[in-house]
Amino acid sequence: MANSRSEPFKKLSVFYPMWNEEAYIERALRFGKQACDGLITSGDIEDYEIIVIDDKSTDRTGEIADAMAAADPRVRVIHHERNRKLGGSMKTGFAAATGDLVLYTDADLPFDMHELPRAVRLLREYEVDIISAYRFDRTGEGWLRSLYTFVYNGLIKTLFGVKVRDINFAFKLCRRRIFDHIELKSEGSFIDAELVIRATRLGYEIMQMGVDYFPRTRGESTLSSPGVIVNIVREMWMLRKDLDGIEKVR
């Protein structure tokens, strides 16, 4: 049964995969807390937690995260003993989340966290299982990465029949229950596509939501590096047979 306005979600888990994000971590958690506090005030959720996945950072990310967790009981930090890349960090985050709703996003906040209440409302009112956001305008990330993304989204659509516009965008709000049936295997950046493909094949409903995009202003993204692209293609090939064999549960 869908949640009504009088029945708030019990708990929202927000997690951030982080590797060397000392320039962003305090802002990310501050805006995350503000959005979650607003959801409590509006009666959409009863409680929340914020989880930092420190992926063996070599800067002060882990230290700052630990200090913020010591000052706020709603903040938790999980430290990886080795660098596990985006896929490993996302698997850790989804496994650690205790809320009935789970939001995954990046530390550089590529969207306005004030979009979160809209996503929660759409998920509830349309009784869907995942809200997957897409960017209205991607030109701020540069033409080369925009080209990579266009080709990649087209490839996923062709190979797997998934019609998600911006499959790797770091704004996915999920009902925690879907992970009773979804076991993610990717260790790299293919994991966003893997999540959407598995959810679609299993019969879970995905709604897309457009948001304004704010490109990273500090540090550098590694998602369009040649090594990452090669690894995405490798994982896609390795997992294709497994993904094609998924049977619908809903």
C-alpha atoms as a PDB file:
ATOM      1  CA  MET A   1       0.000   0.000   0.000  1.00  0.00           C
ATOM      2  CA  ALA A   2       1.289   3.481  -0.846  1.00  0.00           C
ATOM      3  CA  ASN A   3       2.168   5.892   1.931  1.00  0.00           C
ATOM      4  CA  SER A   4      -0.390   8.678   2.405  1.00  0.00           C
ATOM      5  CA  ARG A   5       0.364  12.136   3.760  1.00  0.00           C
ATOM      6  CA  SER A   6      -0.716  10.911   7.201  1.00  0.00           C
ATOM      7  CA  GLU A   7       1.734   8.014   6.944  1.00  0.00           C
ATOM      8  CA  PRO A   8       5.241   9.386   6.550  1.00  0.00           C
ATOM      9  CA  PHE A   9       8.077   7.149   5.502  1.00  0.00           C
ATOM     10  CA  LYS A  10       9.762   5.829   8.621  1.00  0.00           C
ATOM     11  CA  LYS A  11      13.294   6.744   7.696  1.00  0.00           C
ATOM     12  CA  LEU A  12      15.334   8.162   4.821  1.00  0.00           C
ATOM     13  CA  SER A  13      18.925   7.066   4.322  1.00  0.00           C
ATOM     14  CA  VAL A  14      21.137   9.422   2.292  1.00  0.00           C
ATOM     15  CA  PHE A  15      24.561   8.150   1.367  1.00  0.00           C
ATOM     16  CA  TYR A  16      27.514   9.734  -0.378  1.00  0.00           C
ATOM     17  CA  PRO A  17      30.311   7.667  -1.972  1.00  0.00           C
ATOM     18  CA  MET A  18      33.443   9.765  -1.391  1.00  0.00           C
ATOM     19  CA  TRP A  19      37.024   9.583  -2.552  1.00  0.00           C
ATOM     20  CA  ASN A  20      39.176  12.649  -1.815  1.00  0.00           C
ATOM     21  CA  GLU A  21      36.245  15.026  -1.331  1.00  0.00           C
ATOM     22  CA  GLU A  22      37.608  17.223   1.461  1.00  0.00           C
ATOM     23  CA  ALA A  23      36.618  20.313  -0.529  1.00  0.00           C
ATOM     24  CA  TYR A  24      32.980  19.227  -0.702  1.00  0.00           C
ATOM     25  CA  ILE A  25      32.146  17.021   2.261  1.00  0.00           C
ATOM     26  CA  GLU A  26      31.049  19.683   4.760  1.00  0.00           C
ATOM     27  CA  ARG A  27      28.786  21.396   2.234  1.00  0.00           C
ATOM     28  CA  ALA A  28      27.341  18.080   1.048  1.00  0.00           C
ATOM     29  CA  LEU A  29      26.376  16.970   4.544  1.00  0.00           C
ATOM     30  CA  ARG A  30      25.095  20.403   5.532  1.00  0.00           C
ATOM     31  CA  PHE A  31      22.729  20.608   2.557  1.00  0.00           C
ATOM     32  CA  GLY A  32      21.735  16.972   3.017  1.00  0.00           C
ATOM     33  CA  LYS A  33      20.770  17.648   6.630  1.00  0.00           C
ATOM     34  CA  GLN A  34      18.813  20.763   5.673  1.00  0.00           C
ATOM     35  CA  ALA A  35      16.786  18.836   3.089  1.00  0.00           C
ATOM     36  CA  CYS A  36      16.119  15.963   5.496  1.00  0.00           C
ATOM     37  CA  ASP A  37      15.136  18.302   8.339  1.00  0.00           C
ATOM     38  CA  GLY A  38      12.674  19.924   5.953  1.00  0.00           C
ATOM     39  CA  LEU A  39      11.154  16.541   5.144  1.00  0.00           C
ATOM     40  CA  ILE A  40      10.642  15.862   8.840  1.00  0.00           C
ATOM     41  CA  THR A  41       8.998  19.278   9.290  1.00  0.00           C
ATOM     42  CA  SER A  42       6.668  18.664   6.337  1.00  0.00           C
ATOM     43  CA  GLY A  43       5.687  15.251   7.679  1.00  0.00           C
ATOM     44  CA  ASP A  44       7.149  13.269   4.771  1.00  0.00           C
ATOM     45  CA  ILE A  45       9.610  11.267   6.885  1.00  0.00           C
ATOM     46  CA  GLU A  46       9.956  10.499  10.588  1.00  0.00           C
ATOM     47  CA  ASP A  47      13.728  10.202  10.764  1.00  0.00           C
ATOM     48  CA  TYR A  48      16.859  10.118   8.622  1.00  0.00           C
ATOM     49  CA  GLU A  49      20.497   9.114   8.544  1.00  0.00           C
ATOM     50  CA  ILE A  50      23.402  10.390   6.467  1.00  0.00           C
ATOM     51  CA  ILE A  51      26.121   7.911   5.546  1.00  0.00           C
ATOM     52  CA  VAL A  52      29.561   8.761   4.207  1.00  0.00           C
ATOM     53  CA  ILE A  53      31.357   5.961   2.364  1.00  0.00           C
ATOM     54  CA  ASP A  54      35.030   6.917   2.598  1.00  0.00           C
ATOM     55  CA  ASP A  55      36.592   4.962  -0.250  1.00  0.00           C
ATOM     56  CA  LYS A  56      40.151   4.891   1.133  1.00  0.00           C
ATOM     57  CA  SER A  57      40.653   8.625   0.592  1.00  0.00           C
ATOM     58  CA  THR A  58      44.200   9.957   0.674  1.00  0.00           C
ATOM     59  CA  ASP A  59      43.188  13.460   1.766  1.00  0.00           C
ATOM     60  CA  ARG A  60      41.278  14.621   4.890  1.00  0.00           C
ATOM     61  CA  THR A  61      37.871  13.292   3.777  1.00  0.00           C
ATOM     62  CA  GLY A  62      37.817  10.488   6.349  1.00  0.00           C
ATOM     63  CA  GLU A  63      39.044  12.735   9.157  1.00  0.00           C
ATOM     64  CA  ILE A  64      36.434  15.403   8.439  1.00  0.00           C
ATOM     65  CA  ALA A  65      33.695  12.792   8.156  1.00  0.00           C
ATOM     66  CA  ASP A  66      34.614  11.262  11.504  1.00  0.00           C
ATOM     67  CA  ALA A  67      34.521  14.696  13.172  1.00  0.00           C
ATOM     68  CA  MET A  68      31.080  15.424  11.710  1.00  0.00           C
ATOM     69  CA  ALA A  69      29.791  12.016  12.824  1.00  0.00           C
ATOM     70  CA  ALA A  70      31.091  12.622  16.354  1.00  0.00           C
ATOM     71  CA  ALA A  71      29.095  15.864  16.453  1.00  0.00           C
ATOM     72  CA  ASP A  72      25.861  14.471  14.974  1.00  0.00           C
ATOM     73  CA  PRO A  73      24.335  11.058  15.821  1.00  0.00           C
ATOM     74  CA  ARG A  74      22.513  10.995  12.485  1.00  0.00           C
ATOM     75  CA  VAL A  75      25.811  10.926  10.568  1.00  0.00           C
ATOM     76  CA  ARG A  76      27.655   7.639  10.076  1.00  0.00           C
ATOM     77  CA  VAL A  77      30.970   6.939   8.376  1.00  0.00           C
ATOM     78  CA  ILE A  78      32.102   3.706   6.778  1.00  0.00           C
ATOM     79  CA  HIS A  79      35.789   3.476   5.866  1.00  0.00           C
ATOM     80  CA  HIS A  80      36.904   1.108   3.132  1.00  0.00           C
ATOM     81  CA  GLU A  81      40.167  -0.684   3.832  1.00  0.00           C
ATOM     82  CA  ARG A  82      40.958  -0.505   0.128  1.00  0.00           C
ATOM     83  CA  ASN A  83      39.750   1.684  -2.702  1.00  0.00           C
ATOM     84  CA  ARG A  84      36.692  -0.035  -4.203  1.00  0.00           C
ATOM     85  CA  LYS A  85      35.661   2.600  -6.767  1.00  0.00           C
ATOM     86  CA  LEU A  86      32.108   3.795  -7.311  1.00  0.00           C
ATOM     87  CA  GLY A  87      30.492   0.376  -7.589  1.00  0.00           C
ATOM     88  CA  GLY A  88      32.001  -0.916  -4.382  1.00  0.00           C
ATOM     89  CA  SER A  89      31.061   2.264  -2.552  1.00  0.00           C
ATOM     90  CA  MET A  90      27.466   2.130  -3.771  1.00  0.00           C
ATOM     91  CA  LYS A  91      27.119  -1.506  -2.743  1.00  0.00           C
ATOM     92  CA  THR A  92      28.404  -0.596   0.710  1.00  0.00           C
ATOM     93  CA  GLY A  93      25.961   2.306   0.932  1.00  0.00           C
ATOM     94  CA  PHE A  94      22.883   0.350  -0.094  1.00  0.00           C
ATOM     95  CA  ALA A  95      23.828  -2.482   2.269  1.00  0.00           C
ATOM     96  CA  ALA A  96      24.400  -0.116   5.199  1.00  0.00           C
ATOM     97  CA  ALA A  97      21.200   1.916   4.724  1.00  0.00           C
ATOM     98  CA  THR A  98      18.532   1.258   7.357  1.00  0.00           C
ATOM     99  CA  GLY A  99      15.787   3.515   5.989  1.00  0.00           C
ATOM    100  CA  ASP A 100      12.771   2.436   3.975  1.00  0.00           C
ATOM    101  CA  LEU A 101      13.890   5.078   1.453  1.00  0.00           C
ATOM    102  CA  VAL A 102      17.469   5.366   0.196  1.00  0.00           C
ATOM    103  CA  LEU A 103      18.988   8.259  -1.752  1.00  0.00           C
ATOM    104  CA  TYR A 104      22.372   7.957  -3.413  1.00  0.00           C
ATOM    105  CA  THR A 105      24.176  11.053  -4.647  1.00  0.00           C
ATOM    106  CA  ASP A 106      27.643  12.542  -5.126  1.00  0.00           C
ATOM    107  CA  ALA A 107      29.567  14.749  -2.723  1.00  0.00           C
ATOM    108  CA  ASP A 108      29.811  17.578  -5.270  1.00  0.00           C
ATOM    109  CA  LEU A 109      25.984  17.929  -5.208  1.00  0.00           C
ATOM    110  CA  PRO A 110      25.274  17.990  -8.962  1.00  0.00           C
ATOM    111  CA  PHE A 111      21.698  19.068  -8.214  1.00  0.00           C
ATOM    112  CA  ASP A 112      19.886  21.277  -5.711  1.00  0.00           C
ATOM    113  CA  MET A 113      18.993  19.213  -2.625  1.00  0.00           C
ATOM    114  CA  HIS A 114      15.728  21.142  -2.471  1.00  0.00           C
ATOM    115  CA  GLU A 115      14.625  18.768  -5.270  1.00  0.00           C
ATOM    116  CA  LEU A 116      14.555  15.926  -2.742  1.00  0.00           C
ATOM    117  CA  PRO A 117      11.051  16.691  -1.347  1.00  0.00           C
ATOM    118  CA  ARG A 118       9.684  16.622  -4.906  1.00  0.00           C
ATOM    119  CA  ALA A 119      11.292  13.237  -5.500  1.00  0.00           C
ATOM    120  CA  VAL A 120       9.834  11.834  -2.260  1.00  0.00           C
ATOM    121  CA  ARG A 121       6.391  13.188  -3.170  1.00  0.00           C
ATOM    122  CA  LEU A 122       6.502  11.705  -6.691  1.00  0.00           C
ATOM    123  CA  LEU A 123       7.662   8.320  -5.396  1.00  0.00           C
ATOM    124  CA  ARG A 124       4.767   8.252  -2.914  1.00  0.00           C
ATOM    125  CA  GLU A 125       1.980   9.657  -5.055  1.00  0.00           C
ATOM    126  CA  TYR A 126       2.790   7.641  -8.183  1.00  0.00           C
ATOM    127  CA  GLU A 127       3.588   4.514  -6.153  1.00  0.00           C
ATOM    128  CA  VAL A 128       6.863   3.901  -7.987  1.00  0.00           C
ATOM    129  CA  ASP A 129       9.968   2.168  -6.688  1.00  0.00           C
ATOM    130  CA  ILE A 130      12.756   4.409  -7.992  1.00  0.00           C
ATOM    131  CA  ILE A 131      13.013   8.082  -8.897  1.00  0.00           C
ATOM    132  CA  SER A 132      15.874   8.498 -11.370  1.00  0.00           C
ATOM    133  CA  ALA A 133      16.754  12.129 -12.130  1.00  0.00           C
ATOM    134  CA  TYR A 134      18.130  13.452 -15.392  1.00  0.00           C
ATOM    135  CA  ARG A 135      19.808  16.734 -16.210  1.00  0.00           C
ATOM    136  CA  PHE A 136      17.909  19.374 -18.178  1.00  0.00           C
ATOM    137  CA  ASP A 137      21.143  20.851 -19.540  1.00  0.00           C
ATOM    138  CA  ARG A 138      24.463  18.985 -19.632  1.00  0.00           C
ATOM    139  CA  THR A 139      26.569  21.556 -21.493  1.00  0.00           C
ATOM    140  CA  GLY A 140      28.347  22.609 -18.301  1.00  0.00           C
ATOM    141  CA  GLU A 141      30.269  19.319 -18.163  1.00  0.00           C
ATOM    142  CA  GLY A 142      31.975  19.858 -21.528  1.00  0.00           C
ATOM    143  CA  TRP A 143      31.320  18.518 -25.011  1.00  0.00           C
ATOM    144  CA  LEU A 144      33.504  15.406 -24.720  1.00  0.00           C
ATOM    145  CA  ARG A 145      31.812  14.037 -21.615  1.00  0.00           C
ATOM    146  CA  SER A 146      28.413  14.946 -23.057  1.00  0.00           C
ATOM    147  CA  LEU A 147      29.305  12.867 -26.114  1.00  0.00           C
ATOM    148  CA  TYR A 148      30.427   9.935 -23.975  1.00  0.00           C
ATOM    149  CA  THR A 149      27.150  10.083 -22.051  1.00  0.00           C
ATOM    150  CA  PHE A 150      25.034  10.252 -25.221  1.00  0.00           C
ATOM    151  CA  VAL A 151      26.761   7.206 -26.689  1.00  0.00           C
ATOM    152  CA  TYR A 152      26.642   5.284 -23.405  1.00  0.00           C
ATOM    153  CA  ASN A 153      22.940   5.932 -22.802  1.00  0.00           C
ATOM    154  CA  GLY A 154      22.231   4.854 -26.376  1.00  0.00           C
ATOM    155  CA  LEU A 155      24.257   1.676 -25.922  1.00  0.00           C
ATOM    156  CA  ILE A 156      22.416   0.737 -22.716  1.00  0.00           C
ATOM    157  CA  LYS A 157      19.082   1.349 -24.417  1.00  0.00           C
ATOM    158  CA  THR A 158      20.059  -0.784 -27.426  1.00  0.00           C
ATOM    159  CA  LEU A 159      21.554  -3.697 -25.471  1.00  0.00           C
ATOM    160  CA  PHE A 160      19.143  -3.855 -22.548  1.00  0.00           C
ATOM    161  CA  GLY A 161      15.995  -2.031 -23.642  1.00  0.00           C
ATOM    162  CA  VAL A 162      16.220   0.436 -20.753  1.00  0.00           C
ATOM    163  CA  LYS A 163      14.749   3.836 -21.522  1.00  0.00           C
ATOM    164  CA  VAL A 164      16.394   6.025 -18.898  1.00  0.00           C
ATOM    165  CA  ARG A 165      17.675   9.342 -20.211  1.00  0.00           C
ATOM    166  CA  ASP A 166      20.642   9.927 -17.927  1.00  0.00           C
ATOM    167  CA  ILE A 167      21.483   6.548 -16.479  1.00  0.00           C
ATOM    168  CA  ASN A 168      24.707   7.507 -14.663  1.00  0.00           C
ATOM    169  CA  PHE A 169      23.398  10.660 -12.991  1.00  0.00           C
ATOM    170  CA  ALA A 170      23.932  10.521  -9.227  1.00  0.00           C
ATOM    171  CA  PHE A 171      20.356  11.093  -8.051  1.00  0.00           C
ATOM    172  CA  LYS A 172      18.490   7.883  -7.447  1.00  0.00           C
ATOM    173  CA  LEU A 173      15.852   7.631  -4.735  1.00  0.00           C
ATOM    174  CA  CYS A 174      14.884   4.000  -4.084  1.00  0.00           C
ATOM    175  CA  ARG A 175      12.556   2.059  -1.849  1.00  0.00           C
ATOM    176  CA  ARG A 176      14.806  -0.072   0.333  1.00  0.00           C
ATOM    177  CA  ARG A 177      12.666  -3.171  -0.233  1.00  0.00           C
ATOM    178  CA  ILE A 178      13.820  -3.562  -3.839  1.00  0.00           C
ATOM    179  CA  PHE A 179      17.208  -4.692  -2.546  1.00  0.00           C
ATOM    180  CA  ASP A 180      15.577  -7.812  -1.137  1.00  0.00           C
ATOM    181  CA  HIS A 181      15.653  -8.962  -4.775  1.00  0.00           C
ATOM    182  CA  ILE A 182      18.468  -6.921  -6.314  1.00  0.00           C
ATOM    183  CA  GLU A 183      22.078  -7.962  -5.765  1.00  0.00           C
ATOM    184  CA  LEU A 184      24.479  -5.543  -7.420  1.00  0.00           C
ATOM    185  CA  LYS A 185      27.747  -6.985  -8.709  1.00  0.00           C
ATOM    186  CA  SER A 186      29.570  -4.174 -10.493  1.00  0.00           C
ATOM    187  CA  GLU A 187      32.600  -2.657  -8.784  1.00  0.00           C
ATOM    188  CA  GLY A 188      32.893   0.252 -11.217  1.00  0.00           C
ATOM    189  CA  SER A 189      30.804   2.963 -12.835  1.00  0.00           C
ATOM    190  CA  PHE A 190      28.571   0.475 -14.651  1.00  0.00           C
ATOM    191  CA  ILE A 191      26.710   0.050 -11.365  1.00  0.00           C
ATOM    192  CA  ASP A 192      24.185   2.828 -12.082  1.00  0.00           C
ATOM    193  CA  ALA A 193      23.139   1.059 -15.258  1.00  0.00           C
ATOM    194  CA  GLU A 194      23.172  -2.317 -13.508  1.00  0.00           C
ATOM    195  CA  LEU A 195      20.788  -1.023 -10.832  1.00  0.00           C
ATOM    196  CA  VAL A 196      18.344   0.357 -13.401  1.00  0.00           C
ATOM    197  CA  ILE A 197      18.563  -2.733 -15.635  1.00  0.00           C
ATOM    198  CA  ARG A 198      17.987  -5.162 -12.761  1.00  0.00           C
ATOM    199  CA  ALA A 199      15.117  -3.098 -11.361  1.00  0.00           C
ATOM    200  CA  THR A 200      13.457  -2.842 -14.779  1.00  0.00           C
ATOM    201  CA  ARG A 201      13.843  -6.543 -15.545  1.00  0.00           C
ATOM    202  CA  LEU A 202      12.405  -7.465 -12.143  1.00  0.00           C
ATOM    203  CA  GLY A 203       9.319  -5.359 -12.780  1.00  0.00           C
ATOM    204  CA  TYR A 204      10.006  -2.437 -10.463  1.00  0.00           C
ATOM    205  CA  GLU A 205       8.641   0.898 -11.627  1.00  0.00           C
ATOM    206  CA  ILE A 206      11.005   3.783 -12.355  1.00  0.00           C
ATOM    207  CA  MET A 207       9.936   7.393 -12.771  1.00  0.00           C
ATOM    208  CA  GLN A 208      12.253   9.987 -14.290  1.00  0.00           C
ATOM    209  CA  MET A 209      12.465  13.544 -13.008  1.00  0.00           C
ATOM    210  CA  GLY A 210      14.299  16.461 -14.626  1.00  0.00           C
ATOM    211  CA  VAL A 211      16.572  18.693 -12.510  1.00  0.00           C
ATOM    212  CA  ASP A 212      18.926  21.601 -13.080  1.00  0.00           C
ATOM    213  CA  TYR A 213      22.559  20.494 -13.223  1.00  0.00           C
ATOM    214  CA  PHE A 214      25.440  22.103 -11.359  1.00  0.00           C
ATOM    215  CA  PRO A 215      28.857  20.894 -12.584  1.00  0.00           C
ATOM    216  CA  ARG A 216      31.770  20.284 -10.263  1.00  0.00           C
ATOM    217  CA  THR A 217      33.789  23.445  -9.518  1.00  0.00           C
ATOM    218  CA  ARG A 218      36.540  21.883  -7.393  1.00  0.00           C
ATOM    219  CA  GLY A 219      38.701  18.868  -8.064  1.00  0.00           C
ATOM    220  CA  GLU A 220      38.203  16.627 -11.087  1.00  0.00           C
ATOM    221  CA  SER A 221      35.732  13.948 -12.021  1.00  0.00           C
ATOM    222  CA  THR A 222      37.256  10.650 -13.107  1.00  0.00           C
ATOM    223  CA  LEU A 223      34.127   9.256 -14.719  1.00  0.00           C
ATOM    224  CA  SER A 224      35.142  10.136 -18.282  1.00  0.00           C
ATOM    225  CA  SER A 225      38.749   8.946 -18.040  1.00  0.00           C
ATOM    226  CA  PRO A 226      39.807   6.262 -20.544  1.00  0.00           C
ATOM    227  CA  GLY A 227      40.392   3.715 -17.768  1.00  0.00           C
ATOM    228  CA  VAL A 228      36.906   4.172 -16.348  1.00  0.00           C
ATOM    229  CA  ILE A 229      35.317   3.877 -19.792  1.00  0.00           C
ATOM    230  CA  VAL A 230      37.223   0.660 -20.535  1.00  0.00           C
ATOM    231  CA  ASN A 231      36.118  -0.776 -17.183  1.00  0.00           C
ATOM    232  CA  ILE A 232      32.468   0.124 -17.844  1.00  0.00           C
ATOM    233  CA  VAL A 233      32.566  -1.727 -21.161  1.00  0.00           C
ATOM    234  CA  ARG A 234      34.316  -4.710 -19.556  1.00  0.00           C
ATOM    235  CA  GLU A 235      31.751  -4.989 -16.748  1.00  0.00           C
ATOM    236  CA  MET A 236      28.895  -4.528 -19.196  1.00  0.00           C
ATOM    237  CA  TRP A 237      30.179  -7.450 -21.246  1.00  0.00           C
ATOM    238  CA  MET A 238      30.834  -9.655 -18.209  1.00  0.00           C
ATOM    239  CA  LEU A 239      27.385  -9.048 -16.683  1.00  0.00           C
ATOM    240  CA  ARG A 240      25.318  -9.078 -19.860  1.00  0.00           C
ATOM    241  CA  LYS A 241      24.421 -12.785 -19.706  1.00  0.00           C
ATOM    242  CA  ASP A 242      23.470 -12.501 -16.033  1.00  0.00           C
ATOM    243  CA  LEU A 243      21.325  -9.427 -16.687  1.00  0.00           C
ATOM    244  CA  ASP A 244      19.621 -11.034 -19.683  1.00  0.00           C
ATOM    245  CA  GLY A 245      18.614 -14.006 -17.513  1.00  0.00           C
ATOM    246  CA  ILE A 246      16.692 -12.022 -14.876  1.00  0.00           C
ATOM    247  CA  GLU A 247      13.116 -13.173 -14.361  1.00  0.00           C
ATOM    248  CA  LYS A 248      10.378 -10.748 -13.384  1.00  0.00           C
ATOM    249  CA  VAL A 249       9.210 -10.895  -9.765  1.00  0.00           C
ATOM    250  CA  ARG A 250       6.382  -8.336  -9.920  1.00  0.00           C
END
